[in-house]
Every structure is written in structure tokens, then in C-alpha cells.
Amino acid sequence: RDMRGSRMAMVFQDPMRSLNPVLTVGRQLTEV
């Protein structure tokens, strides 16, 4: 999990299925 967050990352085809719909964009960015 630490490796995925820091040294490797993935962008998926459908962002609506990847982003949490009940959290703000700011919350999802700052959590990372």
C-alpha cells in the first residue's frame, strides 16, 4: 500500500468508479 501511494500509481478508465462520490475532491487529495 505504501509502494502504490508513493512509487507507483494508476489512472483508471472510469473516474466516477474510482473517485469516492461521498467525499470532496479536496478530502480525497489531502488524504493521499
PDB file of all heavy atoms in Angstrom:
ATOM      1  N   ARG A   1       0.836  -1.208   0.000  1.00  0.00           N
ATOM      2  CA  ARG A   1       0.000   0.000   0.000  1.00  0.00           C
ATOM      3  C   ARG A   1       0.866   1.251   0.000  1.00  0.00           C
ATOM      4  O   ARG A   1       0.551   2.238  -0.678  1.00  0.00           O
ATOM      5  CB  ARG A   1      -0.942  -0.007   1.206  1.00  0.00           C
ATOM      6  CG  ARG A   1      -2.155  -0.913   1.027  1.00  0.00           C
ATOM      7  CD  ARG A   1      -3.223  -0.614   2.067  1.00  0.00           C
ATOM      8  NE  ARG A   1      -2.759  -0.903   3.419  1.00  0.00           N
ATOM      9  CZ  ARG A   1      -2.914  -2.067   4.032  1.00  0.00           C
ATOM     10  NH1 ARG A   1      -3.522  -3.065   3.408  1.00  0.00           N
ATOM     11  NH2 ARG A   1      -2.473  -2.249   5.264  1.00  0.00           N
ATOM     12  N   ASP A   2       1.943   1.232   0.763  1.00  0.00           N
ATOM     13  CA  ASP A   2       2.859   2.371   0.767  1.00  0.00           C
ATOM     14  C   ASP A   2       3.524   2.540  -0.597  1.00  0.00           C
ATOM     15  O   ASP A   2       3.705   3.669  -1.070  1.00  0.00           O
ATOM     16  CB  ASP A   2       3.932   2.178   1.845  1.00  0.00           C
ATOM     17  CG  ASP A   2       3.372   2.280   3.252  1.00  0.00           C
ATOM     18  OD1 ASP A   2       2.298   2.891   3.418  1.00  0.00           O
ATOM     19  OD2 ASP A   2       3.997   1.739   4.187  1.00  0.00           O
ATOM     20  N   MET A   3       3.872   1.427  -1.219  1.00  0.00           N
ATOM     21  CA  MET A   3       4.501   1.480  -2.539  1.00  0.00           C
ATOM     22  C   MET A   3       3.550   2.080  -3.577  1.00  0.00           C
ATOM     23  O   MET A   3       3.934   2.932  -4.388  1.00  0.00           O
ATOM     24  CB  MET A   3       4.918   0.064  -2.959  1.00  0.00           C
ATOM     25  CG  MET A   3       5.404  -0.067  -4.397  1.00  0.00           C
ATOM     26  SD  MET A   3       7.043   0.628  -4.686  1.00  0.00           S
ATOM     27  CE  MET A   3       8.041  -0.791  -4.221  1.00  0.00           C
ATOM     28  N   ARG A   4       2.276   1.668  -3.549  1.00  0.00           N
ATOM     29  CA  ARG A   4       1.295   2.193  -4.507  1.00  0.00           C
ATOM     30  C   ARG A   4       1.108   3.697  -4.336  1.00  0.00           C
ATOM     31  O   ARG A   4       0.900   4.422  -5.302  1.00  0.00           O
ATOM     32  CB  ARG A   4      -0.051   1.503  -4.327  1.00  0.00           C
ATOM     33  CG  ARG A   4      -0.092   0.061  -4.786  1.00  0.00           C
ATOM     34  CD  ARG A   4      -1.531  -0.435  -4.854  1.00  0.00           C
ATOM     35  NE  ARG A   4      -1.585  -1.883  -4.752  1.00  0.00           N
ATOM     36  CZ  ARG A   4      -1.931  -2.555  -3.660  1.00  0.00           C
ATOM     37  NH1 ARG A   4      -2.276  -1.883  -2.565  1.00  0.00           N
ATOM     38  NH2 ARG A   4      -1.946  -3.863  -3.648  1.00  0.00           N
ATOM     39  N   GLY A   5       1.139   4.162  -3.119  1.00  0.00           N
ATOM     40  CA  GLY A   5       0.897   5.589  -2.893  1.00  0.00           C
ATOM     41  C   GLY A   5       2.083   6.459  -3.198  1.00  0.00           C
ATOM     42  O   GLY A   5       1.922   7.650  -3.481  1.00  0.00           O
ATOM     43  N   SER A   6       3.292   5.894  -3.162  1.00  0.00           N
ATOM     44  CA  SER A   6       4.468   6.740  -3.268  1.00  0.00           C
ATOM     45  C   SER A   6       5.269   6.514  -4.552  1.00  0.00           C
ATOM     46  O   SER A   6       5.653   7.471  -5.223  1.00  0.00           O
ATOM     47  CB  SER A   6       5.388   6.519  -2.062  1.00  0.00           C
ATOM     48  OG  SER A   6       5.744   5.144  -1.950  1.00  0.00           O
ATOM     49  N   ARG A   7       5.514   5.269  -4.936  1.00  0.00           N
ATOM     50  CA  ARG A   7       6.427   4.998  -6.053  1.00  0.00           C
ATOM     51  C   ARG A   7       5.733   4.484  -7.310  1.00  0.00           C
ATOM     52  O   ARG A   7       6.337   4.450  -8.380  1.00  0.00           O
ATOM     53  CB  ARG A   7       7.509   4.016  -5.606  1.00  0.00           C
ATOM     54  CG  ARG A   7       8.449   4.635  -4.570  1.00  0.00           C
ATOM     55  CD  ARG A   7       9.252   3.617  -3.814  1.00  0.00           C
ATOM     56  NE  ARG A   7      10.174   2.890  -4.670  1.00  0.00           N
ATOM     57  CZ  ARG A   7      10.931   1.880  -4.226  1.00  0.00           C
ATOM     58  NH1 ARG A   7      10.845   1.496  -2.966  1.00  0.00           N
ATOM     59  NH2 ARG A   7      11.751   1.260  -5.049  1.00  0.00           N
ATOM     60  N   MET A   8       4.492   4.054  -7.192  1.00  0.00           N
ATOM     61  CA  MET A   8       3.751   3.616  -8.366  1.00  0.00           C
ATOM     62  C   MET A   8       2.287   4.006  -8.212  1.00  0.00           C
ATOM     63  O   MET A   8       1.758   4.023  -7.097  1.00  0.00           O
ATOM     64  CB  MET A   8       3.912   2.101  -8.563  1.00  0.00           C
ATOM     65  CG  MET A   8       3.533   1.271  -7.377  1.00  0.00           C
ATOM     66  SD  MET A   8       4.148  -0.452  -7.427  1.00  0.00           S
ATOM     67  CE  MET A   8       3.448  -1.072  -8.947  1.00  0.00           C
ATOM     68  N   ALA A   9       1.649   4.365  -9.312  1.00  0.00           N
ATOM     69  CA  ALA A   9       0.266   4.828  -9.262  1.00  0.00           C
ATOM     70  C   ALA A   9      -0.418   4.443 -10.565  1.00  0.00           C
ATOM     71  O   ALA A   9       0.228   4.203 -11.581  1.00  0.00           O
ATOM     72  CB  ALA A   9       0.210   6.338  -9.061  1.00  0.00           C
ATOM     73  N   MET A  10      -1.762   4.421 -10.508  1.00  0.00           N
ATOM     74  CA  MET A  10      -2.530   4.001 -11.671  1.00  0.00           C
ATOM     75  C   MET A  10      -3.722   4.935 -11.872  1.00  0.00           C
ATOM     76  O   MET A  10      -4.384   5.321 -10.899  1.00  0.00           O
ATOM     77  CB  MET A  10      -3.005   2.556 -11.503  1.00  0.00           C
ATOM     78  CG  MET A  10      -3.703   1.968 -12.715  1.00  0.00           C
ATOM     79  SD  MET A  10      -3.855   0.163 -12.559  1.00  0.00           S
ATOM     80  CE  MET A  10      -4.799  -0.204 -14.048  1.00  0.00           C
ATOM     81  N   VAL A  11      -3.987   5.292 -13.121  1.00  0.00           N
ATOM     82  CA  VAL A  11      -5.159   6.069 -13.500  1.00  0.00           C
ATOM     83  C   VAL A  11      -6.096   5.135 -14.254  1.00  0.00           C
ATOM     84  O   VAL A  11      -5.714   4.565 -15.283  1.00  0.00           O
ATOM     85  CB  VAL A  11      -4.790   7.268 -14.392  1.00  0.00           C
ATOM     86  CG1 VAL A  11      -6.041   8.049 -14.778  1.00  0.00           C
ATOM     87  CG2 VAL A  11      -3.793   8.175 -13.695  1.00  0.00           C
ATOM     88  N   PHE A  12      -7.315   4.982 -13.739  1.00  0.00           N
ATOM     89  CA  PHE A  12      -8.256   4.044 -14.331  1.00  0.00           C
ATOM     90  C   PHE A  12      -9.104   4.715 -15.393  1.00  0.00           C
ATOM     91  O   PHE A  12      -9.195   5.940 -15.477  1.00  0.00           O
ATOM     92  CB  PHE A  12      -9.144   3.434 -13.238  1.00  0.00           C
ATOM     93  CG  PHE A  12      -8.383   2.626 -12.225  1.00  0.00           C
ATOM     94  CD1 PHE A  12      -7.899   3.231 -11.065  1.00  0.00           C
ATOM     95  CD2 PHE A  12      -8.125   1.286 -12.432  1.00  0.00           C
ATOM     96  CE1 PHE A  12      -7.187   2.507 -10.137  1.00  0.00           C
ATOM     97  CE2 PHE A  12      -7.411   0.552 -11.500  1.00  0.00           C
ATOM     98  CZ  PHE A  12      -6.946   1.154 -10.356  1.00  0.00           C
ATOM     99  N   GLN A  13      -9.772   3.887 -16.198  1.00  0.00           N
ATOM    100  CA  GLN A  13     -10.547   4.387 -17.326  1.00  0.00           C
ATOM    101  C   GLN A  13     -11.750   5.207 -16.891  1.00  0.00           C
ATOM    102  O   GLN A  13     -12.058   6.227 -17.488  1.00  0.00           O
ATOM    103  CB  GLN A  13     -11.006   3.212 -18.193  1.00  0.00           C
ATOM    104  CG  GLN A  13     -11.829   3.627 -19.399  1.00  0.00           C
ATOM    105  CD  GLN A  13     -12.179   2.446 -20.287  1.00  0.00           C
ATOM    106  OE1 GLN A  13     -11.759   1.330 -20.049  1.00  0.00           O
ATOM    107  NE2 GLN A  13     -12.950   2.708 -21.320  1.00  0.00           N
ATOM    108  N   ASP A  14     -12.441   4.786 -15.856  1.00  0.00           N
ATOM    109  CA  ASP A  14     -13.691   5.438 -15.438  1.00  0.00           C
ATOM    110  C   ASP A  14     -13.491   6.142 -14.097  1.00  0.00           C
ATOM    111  O   ASP A  14     -13.527   5.499 -13.045  1.00  0.00           O
ATOM    112  CB  ASP A  14     -14.811   4.399 -15.325  1.00  0.00           C
ATOM    113  CG  ASP A  14     -16.165   5.039 -15.033  1.00  0.00           C
ATOM    114  OD1 ASP A  14     -16.213   6.267 -14.846  1.00  0.00           O
ATOM    115  OD2 ASP A  14     -17.164   4.294 -14.982  1.00  0.00           O
ATOM    116  N   PRO A  15     -13.278   7.460 -14.092  1.00  0.00           N
ATOM    117  CA  PRO A  15     -13.020   8.154 -12.831  1.00  0.00           C
ATOM    118  C   PRO A  15     -14.206   8.151 -11.878  1.00  0.00           C
ATOM    119  O   PRO A  15     -14.029   8.223 -10.669  1.00  0.00           O
ATOM    120  CB  PRO A  15     -12.662   9.582 -13.267  1.00  0.00           C
ATOM    121  CG  PRO A  15     -13.274   9.735 -14.618  1.00  0.00           C
ATOM    122  CD  PRO A  15     -13.223   8.369 -15.242  1.00  0.00           C
ATOM    123  N   MET A  16     -15.429   8.046 -12.389  1.00  0.00           N
ATOM    124  CA  MET A  16     -16.595   8.041 -11.499  1.00  0.00           C
ATOM    125  C   MET A  16     -16.635   6.772 -10.654  1.00  0.00           C
ATOM    126  O   MET A  16     -17.209   6.766  -9.564  1.00  0.00           O
ATOM    127  CB  MET A  16     -17.884   8.176 -12.308  1.00  0.00           C
ATOM    128  CG  MET A  16     -18.273   9.620 -12.594  1.00  0.00           C
ATOM    129  SD  MET A  16     -18.394  10.670 -11.129  1.00  0.00           S
ATOM    130  CE  MET A  16     -19.940  10.099 -10.428  1.00  0.00           C
ATOM    131  N   ARG A  17     -16.036   5.702 -11.130  1.00  0.00           N
ATOM    132  CA  ARG A  17     -15.976   4.466 -10.351  1.00  0.00           C
ATOM    133  C   ARG A  17     -14.742   4.429  -9.464  1.00  0.00           C
ATOM    134  O   ARG A  17     -14.640   3.575  -8.591  1.00  0.00           O
ATOM    135  CB  ARG A  17     -15.996   3.257 -11.291  1.00  0.00           C
ATOM    136  CG  ARG A  17     -17.270   3.129 -12.100  1.00  0.00           C
ATOM    137  CD  ARG A  17     -17.229   1.947 -13.035  1.00  0.00           C
ATOM    138  NE  ARG A  17     -17.094   0.675 -12.312  1.00  0.00           N
ATOM    139  CZ  ARG A  17     -16.992  -0.504 -12.907  1.00  0.00           C
ATOM    140  NH1 ARG A  17     -16.986  -0.583 -14.229  1.00  0.00           N
ATOM    141  NH2 ARG A  17     -16.893  -1.605 -12.199  1.00  0.00           N
ATOM    142  N   SER A  18     -13.800   5.321  -9.705  1.00  0.00           N
ATOM    143  CA  SER A  18     -12.563   5.331  -8.928  1.00  0.00           C
ATOM    144  C   SER A  18     -12.584   6.383  -7.823  1.00  0.00           C
ATOM    145  O   SER A  18     -11.959   6.196  -6.781  1.00  0.00           O
ATOM    146  CB  SER A  18     -11.371   5.590  -9.861  1.00  0.00           C
ATOM    147  OG  SER A  18     -11.335   4.646 -10.904  1.00  0.00           O
ATOM    148  N   LEU A  19     -13.273   7.490  -8.073  1.00  0.00           N
ATOM    149  CA  LEU A  19     -13.390   8.529  -7.054  1.00  0.00           C
ATOM    150  C   LEU A  19     -14.548   8.199  -6.115  1.00  0.00           C
ATOM    151  O   LEU A  19     -15.577   7.675  -6.547  1.00  0.00           O
ATOM    152  CB  LEU A  19     -13.624   9.883  -7.709  1.00  0.00           C
ATOM    153  CG  LEU A  19     -12.467  10.441  -8.543  1.00  0.00           C
ATOM    154  CD1 LEU A  19     -12.922  11.650  -9.340  1.00  0.00           C
ATOM    155  CD2 LEU A  19     -11.285  10.790  -7.646  1.00  0.00           C
ATOM    156  N   ASN A  20     -14.379   8.527  -4.843  1.00  0.00           N
ATOM    157  CA  ASN A  20     -15.440   8.286  -3.864  1.00  0.00           C
ATOM    158  C   ASN A  20     -16.506   9.368  -4.015  1.00  0.00           C
ATOM    159  O   ASN A  20     -16.221  10.556  -3.831  1.00  0.00           O
ATOM    160  CB  ASN A  20     -14.862   8.313  -2.450  1.00  0.00           C
ATOM    161  CG  ASN A  20     -15.839   7.810  -1.410  1.00  0.00           C
ATOM    162  OD1 ASN A  20     -17.032   8.062  -1.494  1.00  0.00           O
ATOM    163  ND2 ASN A  20     -15.335   7.102  -0.408  1.00  0.00           N
ATOM    164  N   PRO A  21     -17.751   9.004  -4.345  1.00  0.00           N
ATOM    165  CA  PRO A  21     -18.777  10.021  -4.630  1.00  0.00           C
ATOM    166  C   PRO A  21     -19.233  10.811  -3.408  1.00  0.00           C
ATOM    167  O   PRO A  21     -19.839  11.875  -3.561  1.00  0.00           O
ATOM    168  CB  PRO A  21     -19.936   9.207  -5.209  1.00  0.00           C
ATOM    169  CG  PRO A  21     -19.765   7.830  -4.632  1.00  0.00           C
ATOM    170  CD  PRO A  21     -18.279   7.632  -4.517  1.00  0.00           C
ATOM    171  N   VAL A  22     -18.975  10.321  -2.188  1.00  0.00           N
ATOM    172  CA  VAL A  22     -19.462  11.000  -0.987  1.00  0.00           C
ATOM    173  C   VAL A  22     -18.374  11.807  -0.288  1.00  0.00           C
ATOM    174  O   VAL A  22     -18.614  12.374   0.776  1.00  0.00           O
ATOM    175  CB  VAL A  22     -20.090   9.996   0.003  1.00  0.00           C
ATOM    176  CG1 VAL A  22     -21.251   9.278  -0.640  1.00  0.00           C
ATOM    177  CG2 VAL A  22     -19.064   9.003   0.518  1.00  0.00           C
ATOM    178  N   LEU A  23     -17.176  11.870  -0.881  1.00  0.00           N
ATOM    179  CA  LEU A  23     -16.093  12.676  -0.317  1.00  0.00           C
ATOM    180  C   LEU A  23     -15.724  13.775  -1.304  1.00  0.00           C
ATOM    181  O   LEU A  23     -15.738  13.563  -2.521  1.00  0.00           O
ATOM    182  CB  LEU A  23     -14.857  11.821  -0.031  1.00  0.00           C
ATOM    183  CG  LEU A  23     -14.990  10.718   1.021  1.00  0.00           C
ATOM    184  CD1 LEU A  23     -13.670   9.981   1.171  1.00  0.00           C
ATOM    185  CD2 LEU A  23     -15.436  11.300   2.364  1.00  0.00           C
ATOM    186  N   THR A  24     -15.386  14.946  -0.793  1.00  0.00           N
ATOM    187  CA  THR A  24     -14.974  16.037  -1.669  1.00  0.00           C
ATOM    188  C   THR A  24     -13.654  15.682  -2.352  1.00  0.00           C
ATOM    189  O   THR A  24     -12.878  14.849  -1.871  1.00  0.00           O
ATOM    190  CB  THR A  24     -14.791  17.344  -0.895  1.00  0.00           C
ATOM    191  OG1 THR A  24     -13.712  17.191   0.037  1.00  0.00           O
ATOM    192  CG2 THR A  24     -16.073  17.732  -0.173  1.00  0.00           C
ATOM    193  N   VAL A  25     -13.408  16.353  -3.464  1.00  0.00           N
ATOM    194  CA  VAL A  25     -12.143  16.162  -4.168  1.00  0.00           C
ATOM    195  C   VAL A  25     -10.975  16.539  -3.269  1.00  0.00           C
ATOM    196  O   VAL A  25      -9.937  15.864  -3.234  1.00  0.00           O
ATOM    197  CB  VAL A  25     -12.153  16.992  -5.469  1.00  0.00           C
ATOM    198  CG1 VAL A  25     -10.749  17.149  -6.024  1.00  0.00           C
ATOM    199  CG2 VAL A  25     -13.074  16.351  -6.496  1.00  0.00           C
ATOM    200  N   GLY A  26     -11.141  17.631  -2.503  1.00  0.00           N
ATOM    201  CA  GLY A  26     -10.076  18.044  -1.594  1.00  0.00           C
ATOM    202  C   GLY A  26      -9.769  16.991  -0.550  1.00  0.00           C
ATOM    203  O   GLY A  26      -8.596  16.728  -0.236  1.00  0.00           O
ATOM    204  N   ARG A  27     -10.802  16.370  -0.002  1.00  0.00           N
ATOM    205  CA  ARG A  27     -10.602  15.321   1.003  1.00  0.00           C
ATOM    206  C   ARG A  27      -9.825  14.142   0.410  1.00  0.00           C
ATOM    207  O   ARG A  27      -8.905  13.603   1.039  1.00  0.00           O
ATOM    208  CB  ARG A  27     -11.963  14.863   1.521  1.00  0.00           C
ATOM    209  CG  ARG A  27     -11.940  13.633   2.421  1.00  0.00           C
ATOM    210  CD  ARG A  27     -11.461  13.951   3.827  1.00  0.00           C
ATOM    211  NE  ARG A  27     -11.479  12.743   4.661  1.00  0.00           N
ATOM    212  CZ  ARG A  27     -12.566  12.278   5.296  1.00  0.00           C
ATOM    213  NH1 ARG A  27     -13.722  12.932   5.205  1.00  0.00           N
ATOM    214  NH2 ARG A  27     -12.496  11.188   6.027  1.00  0.00           N
ATOM    215  N   GLN A  28     -10.179  13.762  -0.806  1.00  0.00           N
ATOM    216  CA  GLN A  28      -9.523  12.612  -1.423  1.00  0.00           C
ATOM    217  C   GLN A  28      -8.066  12.906  -1.777  1.00  0.00           C
ATOM    218  O   GLN A  28      -7.204  12.031  -1.683  1.00  0.00           O
ATOM    219  CB  GLN A  28     -10.315  12.165  -2.657  1.00  0.00           C
ATOM    220  CG  GLN A  28     -11.699  11.652  -2.280  1.00  0.00           C
ATOM    221  CD  GLN A  28     -12.519  11.174  -3.455  1.00  0.00           C
ATOM    222  OE1 GLN A  28     -12.150  10.212  -4.115  1.00  0.00           O
ATOM    223  NE2 GLN A  28     -13.643  11.835  -3.723  1.00  0.00           N
ATOM    224  N   LEU A  29      -7.789  14.139  -2.176  1.00  0.00           N
ATOM    225  CA  LEU A  29      -6.410  14.520  -2.474  1.00  0.00           C
ATOM    226  C   LEU A  29      -5.566  14.641  -1.210  1.00  0.00           C
ATOM    227  O   LEU A  29      -4.444  14.129  -1.139  1.00  0.00           O
ATOM    228  CB  LEU A  29      -6.403  15.852  -3.226  1.00  0.00           C
ATOM    229  CG  LEU A  29      -6.189  15.813  -4.739  1.00  0.00           C
ATOM    230  CD1 LEU A  29      -6.414  17.193  -5.335  1.00  0.00           C
ATOM    231  CD2 LEU A  29      -4.809  15.310  -5.081  1.00  0.00           C
ATOM    232  N   THR A  30      -6.098  15.311  -0.204  1.00  0.00           N
ATOM    233  CA  THR A  30      -5.306  15.538   1.007  1.00  0.00           C
ATOM    234  C   THR A  30      -5.083  14.254   1.793  1.00  0.00           C
ATOM    235  O   THR A  30      -4.055  14.116   2.476  1.00  0.00           O
ATOM    236  CB  THR A  30      -5.973  16.600   1.901  1.00  0.00           C
ATOM    237  OG1 THR A  30      -7.323  16.208   2.197  1.00  0.00           O
ATOM    238  CG2 THR A  30      -5.978  17.964   1.222  1.00  0.00           C
ATOM    239  N   GLU A  31      -6.007  13.298   1.717  1.00  0.00           N
ATOM    240  CA  GLU A  31      -5.803  12.018   2.407  1.00  0.00           C
ATOM    241  C   GLU A  31      -4.559  11.307   1.880  1.00  0.00           C
ATOM    242  O   GLU A  31      -3.783  10.738   2.648  1.00  0.00           O
ATOM    243  CB  GLU A  31      -7.035  11.122   2.255  1.00  0.00           C
ATOM    244  CG  GLU A  31      -8.119  11.403   3.268  1.00  0.00           C
ATOM    245  CD  GLU A  31      -9.207  10.341   3.254  1.00  0.00           C
ATOM    246  OE1 GLU A  31      -9.180   9.460   2.358  1.00  0.00           O
ATOM    247  OE2 GLU A  31     -10.085  10.386   4.128  1.00  0.00           O
ATOM    248  N   VAL A  32      -4.387  11.343   0.563  1.00  0.00           N
ATOM    249  CA  VAL A  32      -3.201  10.730  -0.042  1.00  0.00           C
ATOM    250  C   VAL A  32      -1.940  11.409   0.468  1.00  0.00           C
ATOM    251  O   VAL A  32      -0.959  10.753   0.850  1.00  0.00           O
ATOM    252  CB  VAL A  32      -3.282  10.826  -1.582  1.00  0.00           C
ATOM    253  CG1 VAL A  32      -1.984  10.338  -2.225  1.00  0.00           C
ATOM    254  CG2 VAL A  32      -4.457  10.025  -2.105  1.00  0.00           C
TER     255      VAL A  32
END
